[in-house]
Protein backbone atom coordinates (compact mmCIF):
# COMPACT_ATOMS: atom_id res chain seq x y z
CA UNK A 1 0.00 0.00 0.00
CA UNK A 2 1.31 3.42 -0.98
CA UNK A 3 1.32 5.97 1.78
CA UNK A 4 1.24 9.76 1.51
CA UNK A 5 5.04 10.12 1.77
CA UNK A 6 5.60 7.76 -1.18
CA UNK A 7 3.02 9.63 -3.22
CA UNK A 8 4.66 12.98 -2.38
CA UNK A 9 8.12 11.66 -3.27
CA UNK A 10 6.82 10.41 -6.60
CA UNK A 11 5.23 13.77 -7.32
CA UNK A 12 8.41 15.66 -6.45
CA UNK A 13 10.47 13.32 -8.64
CA UNK A 14 8.09 13.88 -11.55
CA UNK A 15 8.45 17.66 -11.19
CA UNK A 16 12.23 17.38 -11.02
CA UNK A 17 12.31 15.21 -14.15
CA UNK A 18 10.17 17.73 -16.02
CA UNK A 19 12.36 20.64 -14.92
CA UNK A 20 15.53 18.82 -15.98
CA UNK A 21 13.99 17.98 -19.36
CA UNK A 22 13.14 21.64 -19.95
CA UNK A 23 16.62 22.71 -18.87
CA UNK A 24 18.26 20.16 -21.18
CA UNK A 25 16.14 21.36 -24.10
CA UNK A 26 17.23 24.97 -23.53
CA UNK A 27 20.88 24.25 -22.70
CA UNK A 28 22.28 24.10 -26.27
CA UNK A 29 20.95 27.60 -26.95
CA UNK A 30 22.74 28.89 -23.86
CA UNK A 31 26.08 27.29 -24.74
CA UNK A 32 26.21 28.65 -28.29
CA UNK A 33 28.94 31.24 -27.65
CA UNK A 34 32.42 30.23 -28.74
CA UNK A 35 35.62 31.38 -27.10
CA UNK A 36 37.68 34.01 -28.93
CA UNK A 37 40.91 32.42 -27.72
CA UNK A 38 41.83 28.76 -27.27
CA UNK A 39 41.63 27.64 -23.65
CA UNK A 40 44.68 25.40 -24.14
CA UNK A 41 47.20 27.55 -26.05
CA UNK A 42 45.67 31.07 -25.88
CA UNK A 43 45.86 31.50 -29.67
CA UNK A 44 42.98 33.23 -31.44
CA UNK A 45 40.28 30.88 -32.72
CA UNK A 46 39.45 31.74 -36.35
CA UNK A 47 36.00 33.22 -36.91
CA UNK A 48 35.13 30.50 -39.43
CA UNK A 49 35.66 27.82 -36.76
CA UNK A 50 33.68 29.75 -34.16
CA UNK A 51 30.75 30.04 -36.56
CA UNK A 52 30.97 26.44 -37.80
CA UNK A 53 31.36 24.85 -34.35
CA UNK A 54 29.19 26.80 -31.93
CA UNK A 55 30.45 26.56 -28.39
CA UNK A 56 34.02 25.64 -29.33
CA UNK A 57 36.64 26.34 -26.70
CA UNK A 58 39.80 25.20 -28.49
CA UNK A 59 41.53 25.85 -31.80
CA UNK A 60 41.60 23.04 -34.37
CA UNK A 61 45.11 21.87 -33.40
CA UNK A 62 44.39 21.67 -29.67
CA UNK A 63 41.00 20.04 -30.28
CA UNK A 64 42.71 17.38 -32.42
CA UNK A 65 45.22 16.68 -29.66
CA UNK A 66 42.44 16.47 -27.04
CA UNK A 67 40.43 14.04 -29.16
CA UNK A 68 43.50 11.87 -29.83
CA UNK A 69 44.23 11.68 -26.10
CA UNK A 70 40.63 10.75 -25.33
CA UNK A 71 40.68 8.05 -27.99
CA UNK A 72 43.93 6.61 -26.61
CA UNK A 73 42.62 6.46 -23.03
CA UNK A 74 39.17 5.18 -24.02
CA UNK A 75 40.57 1.78 -24.99
PDB file of N, CA and C in Angstrom:
ATOM      1  N   UNK A   1       0.829  -1.172   0.000  1.00  0.00           N
ATOM      2  CA  UNK A   1       0.000   0.000   0.000  1.00  0.00           C
ATOM      3  C   UNK A   1       0.884   1.249   0.000  1.00  0.00           C
ATOM      4  N   UNK A   2       0.555   2.187  -0.852  1.00  0.00           N
ATOM      5  CA  UNK A   2       1.311   3.423  -0.979  1.00  0.00           C
ATOM      6  C   UNK A   2       0.800   4.427   0.047  1.00  0.00           C
ATOM      7  N   UNK A   3       1.746   4.962   0.813  1.00  0.00           N
ATOM      8  CA  UNK A   3       1.321   5.972   1.781  1.00  0.00           C
ATOM      9  C   UNK A   3       1.541   7.375   1.210  1.00  0.00           C
ATOM     10  N   UNK A   4       1.190   8.377   1.975  1.00  0.00           N
ATOM     11  CA  UNK A   4       1.242   9.765   1.515  1.00  0.00           C
ATOM     12  C   UNK A   4       2.682  10.191   1.205  1.00  0.00           C
ATOM     13  N   UNK A   5       3.646   9.742   1.992  1.00  0.00           N
ATOM     14  CA  UNK A   5       5.038  10.119   1.769  1.00  0.00           C
ATOM     15  C   UNK A   5       5.542   9.575   0.434  1.00  0.00           C
ATOM     16  N   UNK A   6       5.202   8.326   0.106  1.00  0.00           N
ATOM     17  CA  UNK A   6       5.604   7.756  -1.178  1.00  0.00           C
ATOM     18  C   UNK A   6       4.965   8.514  -2.339  1.00  0.00           C
ATOM     19  N   UNK A   7       3.715   8.870  -2.188  1.00  0.00           N
ATOM     20  CA  UNK A   7       3.021   9.630  -3.225  1.00  0.00           C
ATOM     21  C   UNK A   7       3.681  10.999  -3.416  1.00  0.00           C
ATOM     22  N   UNK A   8       4.019  11.660  -2.314  1.00  0.00           N
ATOM     23  CA  UNK A   8       4.661  12.976  -2.380  1.00  0.00           C
ATOM     24  C   UNK A   8       6.040  12.873  -3.023  1.00  0.00           C
ATOM     25  N   UNK A   9       6.804  11.857  -2.660  1.00  0.00           N
ATOM     26  CA  UNK A   9       8.118  11.659  -3.268  1.00  0.00           C
ATOM     27  C   UNK A   9       8.007  11.423  -4.772  1.00  0.00           C
ATOM     28  N   UNK A  10       7.039  10.650  -5.179  1.00  0.00           N
ATOM     29  CA  UNK A  10       6.819  10.410  -6.600  1.00  0.00           C
ATOM     30  C   UNK A  10       6.459  11.691  -7.336  1.00  0.00           C
ATOM     31  N   UNK A  11       5.639  12.506  -6.716  1.00  0.00           N
ATOM     32  CA  UNK A  11       5.228  13.769  -7.317  1.00  0.00           C
ATOM     33  C   UNK A  11       6.412  14.731  -7.447  1.00  0.00           C
ATOM     34  N   UNK A  12       7.229  14.808  -6.411  1.00  0.00           N
ATOM     35  CA  UNK A  12       8.413  15.657  -6.449  1.00  0.00           C
ATOM     36  C   UNK A  12       9.375  15.169  -7.532  1.00  0.00           C
ATOM     37  N   UNK A  13       9.573  13.869  -7.628  1.00  0.00           N
ATOM     38  CA  UNK A  13      10.469  13.316  -8.641  1.00  0.00           C
ATOM     39  C   UNK A  13       9.966  13.632 -10.049  1.00  0.00           C
ATOM     40  N   UNK A  14       8.674  13.561 -10.249  1.00  0.00           N
ATOM     41  CA  UNK A  14       8.088  13.883 -11.549  1.00  0.00           C
ATOM     42  C   UNK A  14       8.342  15.348 -11.916  1.00  0.00           C
ATOM     43  N   UNK A  15       8.189  16.241 -10.953  1.00  0.00           N
ATOM     44  CA  UNK A  15       8.445  17.661 -11.194  1.00  0.00           C
ATOM     45  C   UNK A  15       9.930  17.909 -11.489  1.00  0.00           C
ATOM     46  N   UNK A  16      10.803  17.235 -10.761  1.00  0.00           N
ATOM     47  CA  UNK A  16      12.234  17.375 -11.021  1.00  0.00           C
ATOM     48  C   UNK A  16      12.597  16.881 -12.419  1.00  0.00           C
ATOM     49  N   UNK A  17      12.048  15.753 -12.811  1.00  0.00           N
ATOM     50  CA  UNK A  17      12.306  15.208 -14.148  1.00  0.00           C
ATOM     51  C   UNK A  17      11.838  16.172 -15.237  1.00  0.00           C
ATOM     52  N   UNK A  18      10.682  16.773 -15.045  1.00  0.00           N
ATOM     53  CA  UNK A  18      10.168  17.730 -16.020  1.00  0.00           C
ATOM     54  C   UNK A  18      11.065  18.970 -16.086  1.00  0.00           C
ATOM     55  N   UNK A  19      11.506  19.460 -14.950  1.00  0.00           N
ATOM     56  CA  UNK A  19      12.364  20.643 -14.918  1.00  0.00           C
ATOM     57  C   UNK A  19      13.707  20.359 -15.586  1.00  0.00           C
ATOM     58  N   UNK A  20      14.268  19.186 -15.344  1.00  0.00           N
ATOM     59  CA  UNK A  20      15.533  18.820 -15.981  1.00  0.00           C
ATOM     60  C   UNK A  20      15.368  18.656 -17.485  1.00  0.00           C
ATOM     61  N   UNK A  21      14.243  18.130 -17.929  1.00  0.00           N
ATOM     62  CA  UNK A  21      13.988  17.980 -19.363  1.00  0.00           C
ATOM     63  C   UNK A  21      13.911  19.346 -20.039  1.00  0.00           C
ATOM     64  N   UNK A  22      13.239  20.285 -19.395  1.00  0.00           N
ATOM     65  CA  UNK A  22      13.139  21.639 -19.951  1.00  0.00           C
ATOM     66  C   UNK A  22      14.518  22.290 -19.991  1.00  0.00           C
ATOM     67  N   UNK A  23      15.279  22.119 -18.934  1.00  0.00           N
ATOM     68  CA  UNK A  23      16.619  22.709 -18.875  1.00  0.00           C
ATOM     69  C   UNK A  23      17.530  22.113 -19.940  1.00  0.00           C
ATOM     70  N   UNK A  24      17.441  20.809 -20.157  1.00  0.00           N
ATOM     71  CA  UNK A  24      18.256  20.164 -21.182  1.00  0.00           C
ATOM     72  C   UNK A  24      17.875  20.628 -22.578  1.00  0.00           C
ATOM     73  N   UNK A  25      16.598  20.893 -22.795  1.00  0.00           N
ATOM     74  CA  UNK A  25      16.141  21.359 -24.104  1.00  0.00           C
ATOM     75  C   UNK A  25      16.643  22.770 -24.386  1.00  0.00           C
ATOM     76  N   UNK A  26      16.811  23.582 -23.358  1.00  0.00           N
ATOM     77  CA  UNK A  26      17.235  24.969 -23.527  1.00  0.00           C
ATOM     78  C   UNK A  26      18.753  25.095 -23.501  1.00  0.00           C
ATOM     79  N   UNK A  27      19.438  24.156 -22.917  1.00  0.00           N
ATOM     80  CA  UNK A  27      20.877  24.250 -22.696  1.00  0.00           C
ATOM     81  C   UNK A  27      21.694  24.502 -23.964  1.00  0.00           C
ATOM     82  N   UNK A  28      21.462  23.819 -25.090  1.00  0.00           N
ATOM     83  CA  UNK A  28      22.278  24.103 -26.272  1.00  0.00           C
ATOM     84  C   UNK A  28      22.198  25.562 -26.720  1.00  0.00           C
ATOM     85  N   UNK A  29      21.073  26.197 -26.565  1.00  0.00           N
ATOM     86  CA  UNK A  29      20.947  27.599 -26.948  1.00  0.00           C
ATOM     87  C   UNK A  29      21.787  28.488 -26.035  1.00  0.00           C
ATOM     88  N   UNK A  30      21.961  28.097 -24.792  1.00  0.00           N
ATOM     89  CA  UNK A  30      22.738  28.893 -23.856  1.00  0.00           C
ATOM     90  C   UNK A  30      24.238  28.731 -24.073  1.00  0.00           C
ATOM     91  N   UNK A  31      24.664  27.580 -24.570  1.00  0.00           N
ATOM     92  CA  UNK A  31      26.083  27.291 -24.744  1.00  0.00           C
ATOM     93  C   UNK A  31      26.557  27.551 -26.169  1.00  0.00           C
ATOM     94  N   UNK A  32      25.901  28.431 -26.892  1.00  0.00           N
ATOM     95  CA  UNK A  32      26.212  28.652 -28.293  1.00  0.00           C
ATOM     96  C   UNK A  32      27.366  29.625 -28.511  1.00  0.00           C
ATOM     97  N   UNK A  33      27.871  30.273 -27.482  1.00  0.00           N
ATOM     98  CA  UNK A  33      28.943  31.238 -27.649  1.00  0.00           C
ATOM     99  C   UNK A  33      30.291  30.534 -27.632  1.00  0.00           C
ATOM    100  N   UNK A  34      31.079  30.800 -28.647  1.00  0.00           N
ATOM    101  CA  UNK A  34      32.417  30.230 -28.740  1.00  0.00           C
ATOM    102  C   UNK A  34      33.429  31.162 -28.081  1.00  0.00           C
ATOM    103  N   UNK A  35      34.537  30.583 -27.653  1.00  0.00           N
ATOM    104  CA  UNK A  35      35.621  31.377 -27.101  1.00  0.00           C
ATOM    105  C   UNK A  35      36.331  32.114 -28.226  1.00  0.00           C
ATOM    106  N   UNK A  36      36.874  33.282 -27.943  1.00  0.00           N
ATOM    107  CA  UNK A  36      37.676  34.008 -28.928  1.00  0.00           C
ATOM    108  C   UNK A  36      39.095  33.470 -28.972  1.00  0.00           C
ATOM    109  N   UNK A  37      39.562  32.962 -27.816  1.00  0.00           N
ATOM    110  CA  UNK A  37      40.910  32.425 -27.721  1.00  0.00           C
ATOM    111  C   UNK A  37      40.854  30.998 -27.186  1.00  0.00           C
ATOM    112  N   UNK A  38      41.757  30.174 -27.666  1.00  0.00           N
ATOM    113  CA  UNK A  38      41.826  28.763 -27.271  1.00  0.00           C
ATOM    114  C   UNK A  38      42.128  28.662 -25.781  1.00  0.00           C
ATOM    115  N   UNK A  39      41.403  27.804 -25.086  1.00  0.00           N
ATOM    116  CA  UNK A  39      41.632  27.641 -23.652  1.00  0.00           C
ATOM    117  C   UNK A  39      42.913  26.872 -23.364  1.00  0.00           C
ATOM    118  N   UNK A  40      43.472  26.189 -24.357  1.00  0.00           N
ATOM    119  CA  UNK A  40      44.679  25.400 -24.143  1.00  0.00           C
ATOM    120  C   UNK A  40      45.957  26.173 -24.469  1.00  0.00           C
ATOM    121  N   UNK A  41      45.965  26.884 -25.612  1.00  0.00           N
ATOM    122  CA  UNK A  41      47.197  27.545 -26.046  1.00  0.00           C
ATOM    123  C   UNK A  41      47.085  29.066 -26.120  1.00  0.00           C
ATOM    124  N   UNK A  42      45.922  29.624 -25.873  1.00  0.00           N
ATOM    125  CA  UNK A  42      45.674  31.068 -25.883  1.00  0.00           C
ATOM    126  C   UNK A  42      45.834  31.726 -27.252  1.00  0.00           C
ATOM    127  N   UNK A  43      45.855  30.941 -28.315  1.00  0.00           N
ATOM    128  CA  UNK A  43      45.864  31.500 -29.667  1.00  0.00           C
ATOM    129  C   UNK A  43      44.442  31.869 -30.056  1.00  0.00           C
ATOM    130  N   UNK A  44      44.308  32.820 -30.979  1.00  0.00           N
ATOM    131  CA  UNK A  44      42.983  33.231 -31.442  1.00  0.00           C
ATOM    132  C   UNK A  44      42.327  32.092 -32.225  1.00  0.00           C
ATOM    133  N   UNK A  45      41.046  31.880 -31.971  1.00  0.00           N
ATOM    134  CA  UNK A  45      40.282  30.882 -32.720  1.00  0.00           C
ATOM    135  C   UNK A  45      39.696  31.591 -33.934  1.00  0.00           C
ATOM    136  N   UNK A  46      39.955  31.085 -35.149  1.00  0.00           N
ATOM    137  CA  UNK A  46      39.448  31.742 -36.354  1.00  0.00           C
ATOM    138  C   UNK A  46      37.920  31.863 -36.339  1.00  0.00           C
ATOM    139  N   UNK A  47      37.445  32.962 -36.900  1.00  0.00           N
ATOM    140  CA  UNK A  47      36.003  33.215 -36.913  1.00  0.00           C
ATOM    141  C   UNK A  47      35.239  32.113 -37.623  1.00  0.00           C
ATOM    142  N   UNK A  48      35.808  31.576 -38.692  1.00  0.00           N
ATOM    143  CA  UNK A  48      35.133  30.499 -39.432  1.00  0.00           C
ATOM    144  C   UNK A  48      34.878  29.294 -38.524  1.00  0.00           C
ATOM    145  N   UNK A  49      35.850  28.957 -37.687  1.00  0.00           N
ATOM    146  CA  UNK A  49      35.661  27.822 -36.760  1.00  0.00           C
ATOM    147  C   UNK A  49      34.610  28.159 -35.713  1.00  0.00           C
ATOM    148  N   UNK A  50      34.650  29.370 -35.178  1.00  0.00           N
ATOM    149  CA  UNK A  50      33.677  29.749 -34.158  1.00  0.00           C
ATOM    150  C   UNK A  50      32.258  29.718 -34.696  1.00  0.00           C
ATOM    151  N   UNK A  51      32.089  30.065 -35.960  1.00  0.00           N
ATOM    152  CA  UNK A  51      30.746  30.036 -36.556  1.00  0.00           C
ATOM    153  C   UNK A  51      30.332  28.621 -36.933  1.00  0.00           C
ATOM    154  N   UNK A  52      31.288  27.814 -37.381  1.00  0.00           N
ATOM    155  CA  UNK A  52      30.972  26.444 -37.801  1.00  0.00           C
ATOM    156  C   UNK A  52      30.718  25.524 -36.612  1.00  0.00           C
ATOM    157  N   UNK A  53      31.454  25.723 -35.539  1.00  0.00           N
ATOM    158  CA  UNK A  53      31.358  24.855 -34.353  1.00  0.00           C
ATOM    159  C   UNK A  53      30.957  25.710 -33.160  1.00  0.00           C
ATOM    160  N   UNK A  54      29.662  25.952 -33.023  1.00  0.00           N
ATOM    161  CA  UNK A  54      29.187  26.797 -31.934  1.00  0.00           C
ATOM    162  C   UNK A  54      29.550  26.198 -30.591  1.00  0.00           C
ATOM    163  N   UNK A  55      30.073  27.018 -29.721  1.00  0.00           N
ATOM    164  CA  UNK A  55      30.453  26.559 -28.390  1.00  0.00           C
ATOM    165  C   UNK A  55      31.859  26.005 -28.317  1.00  0.00           C
ATOM    166  N   UNK A  56      32.658  26.187 -29.365  1.00  0.00           N
ATOM    167  CA  UNK A  56      34.019  25.640 -29.332  1.00  0.00           C
ATOM    168  C   UNK A  56      34.869  26.433 -28.332  1.00  0.00           C
ATOM    169  N   UNK A  57      35.791  25.723 -27.705  1.00  0.00           N
ATOM    170  CA  UNK A  57      36.643  26.338 -26.700  1.00  0.00           C
ATOM    171  C   UNK A  57      38.118  26.194 -27.040  1.00  0.00           C
ATOM    172  N   UNK A  58      38.410  25.436 -28.105  1.00  0.00           N
ATOM    173  CA  UNK A  58      39.798  25.200 -28.486  1.00  0.00           C
ATOM    174  C   UNK A  58      39.978  25.403 -29.982  1.00  0.00           C
ATOM    175  N   UNK A  59      41.211  25.746 -30.374  1.00  0.00           N
ATOM    176  CA  UNK A  59      41.526  25.846 -31.798  1.00  0.00           C
ATOM    177  C   UNK A  59      41.544  24.430 -32.388  1.00  0.00           C
ATOM    178  N   UNK A  60      41.654  24.339 -33.691  1.00  0.00           N
ATOM    179  CA  UNK A  60      41.601  23.042 -34.365  1.00  0.00           C
ATOM    180  C   UNK A  60      42.739  22.145 -33.899  1.00  0.00           C
ATOM    181  N   UNK A  61      43.958  22.691 -33.800  1.00  0.00           N
ATOM    182  CA  UNK A  61      45.106  21.871 -33.398  1.00  0.00           C
ATOM    183  C   UNK A  61      44.928  21.304 -31.990  1.00  0.00           C
ATOM    184  N   UNK A  62      44.561  22.135 -31.051  1.00  0.00           N
ATOM    185  CA  UNK A  62      44.388  21.670 -29.668  1.00  0.00           C
ATOM    186  C   UNK A  62      43.215  20.702 -29.552  1.00  0.00           C
ATOM    187  N   UNK A  63      42.136  20.954 -30.300  1.00  0.00           N
ATOM    188  CA  UNK A  63      40.999  20.038 -30.283  1.00  0.00           C
ATOM    189  C   UNK A  63      41.401  18.674 -30.818  1.00  0.00           C
ATOM    190  N   UNK A  64      42.228  18.645 -31.864  1.00  0.00           N
ATOM    191  CA  UNK A  64      42.706  17.382 -32.422  1.00  0.00           C
ATOM    192  C   UNK A  64      43.532  16.608 -31.400  1.00  0.00           C
ATOM    193  N   UNK A  65      44.400  17.318 -30.685  1.00  0.00           N
ATOM    194  CA  UNK A  65      45.220  16.676 -29.658  1.00  0.00           C
ATOM    195  C   UNK A  65      44.336  16.129 -28.542  1.00  0.00           C
ATOM    196  N   UNK A  66      43.353  16.900 -28.100  1.00  0.00           N
ATOM    197  CA  UNK A  66      42.443  16.470 -27.039  1.00  0.00           C
ATOM    198  C   UNK A  66      41.685  15.215 -27.458  1.00  0.00           C
ATOM    199  N   UNK A  67      41.179  15.201 -28.688  1.00  0.00           N
ATOM    200  CA  UNK A  67      40.431  14.038 -29.163  1.00  0.00           C
ATOM    201  C   UNK A  67      41.323  12.816 -29.296  1.00  0.00           C
ATOM    202  N   UNK A  68      42.567  12.996 -29.726  1.00  0.00           N
ATOM    203  CA  UNK A  68      43.501  11.874 -29.832  1.00  0.00           C
ATOM    204  C   UNK A  68      43.803  11.287 -28.458  1.00  0.00           C
ATOM    205  N   UNK A  69      43.976  12.157 -27.462  1.00  0.00           N
ATOM    206  CA  UNK A  69      44.231  11.676 -26.099  1.00  0.00           C
ATOM    207  C   UNK A  69      43.029  10.909 -25.552  1.00  0.00           C
ATOM    208  N   UNK A  70      41.833  11.433 -25.790  1.00  0.00           N
ATOM    209  CA  UNK A  70      40.628  10.746 -25.327  1.00  0.00           C
ATOM    210  C   UNK A  70      40.497   9.391 -25.985  1.00  0.00           C
ATOM    211  N   UNK A  71      40.796   9.320 -27.275  1.00  0.00           N
ATOM    212  CA  UNK A  71      40.681   8.049 -27.987  1.00  0.00           C
ATOM    213  C   UNK A  71      41.692   7.043 -27.450  1.00  0.00           C
ATOM    214  N   UNK A  72      42.891   7.509 -27.123  1.00  0.00           N
ATOM    215  CA  UNK A  72      43.925   6.614 -26.608  1.00  0.00           C
ATOM    216  C   UNK A  72      43.530   6.047 -25.239  1.00  0.00           C
ATOM    217  N   UNK A  73      42.965   6.901 -24.382  1.00  0.00           N
ATOM    218  CA  UNK A  73      42.624   6.458 -23.035  1.00  0.00           C
ATOM    219  C   UNK A  73      41.262   5.767 -22.958  1.00  0.00           C
ATOM    220  N   UNK A  74      40.492   5.822 -24.015  1.00  0.00           N
ATOM    221  CA  UNK A  74      39.175   5.178 -24.019  1.00  0.00           C
ATOM    222  C   UNK A  74      39.279   3.677 -24.260  1.00  0.00           C
ATOM    223  N   UNK A  75      40.417   3.211 -24.688  1.00  0.00           N
ATOM    224  CA  UNK A  75      40.569   1.783 -24.994  1.00  0.00           C
ATOM    225  C   UNK A  75      40.546   0.917 -23.798  1.00  0.00           C
TER     226      UNK A  75
END
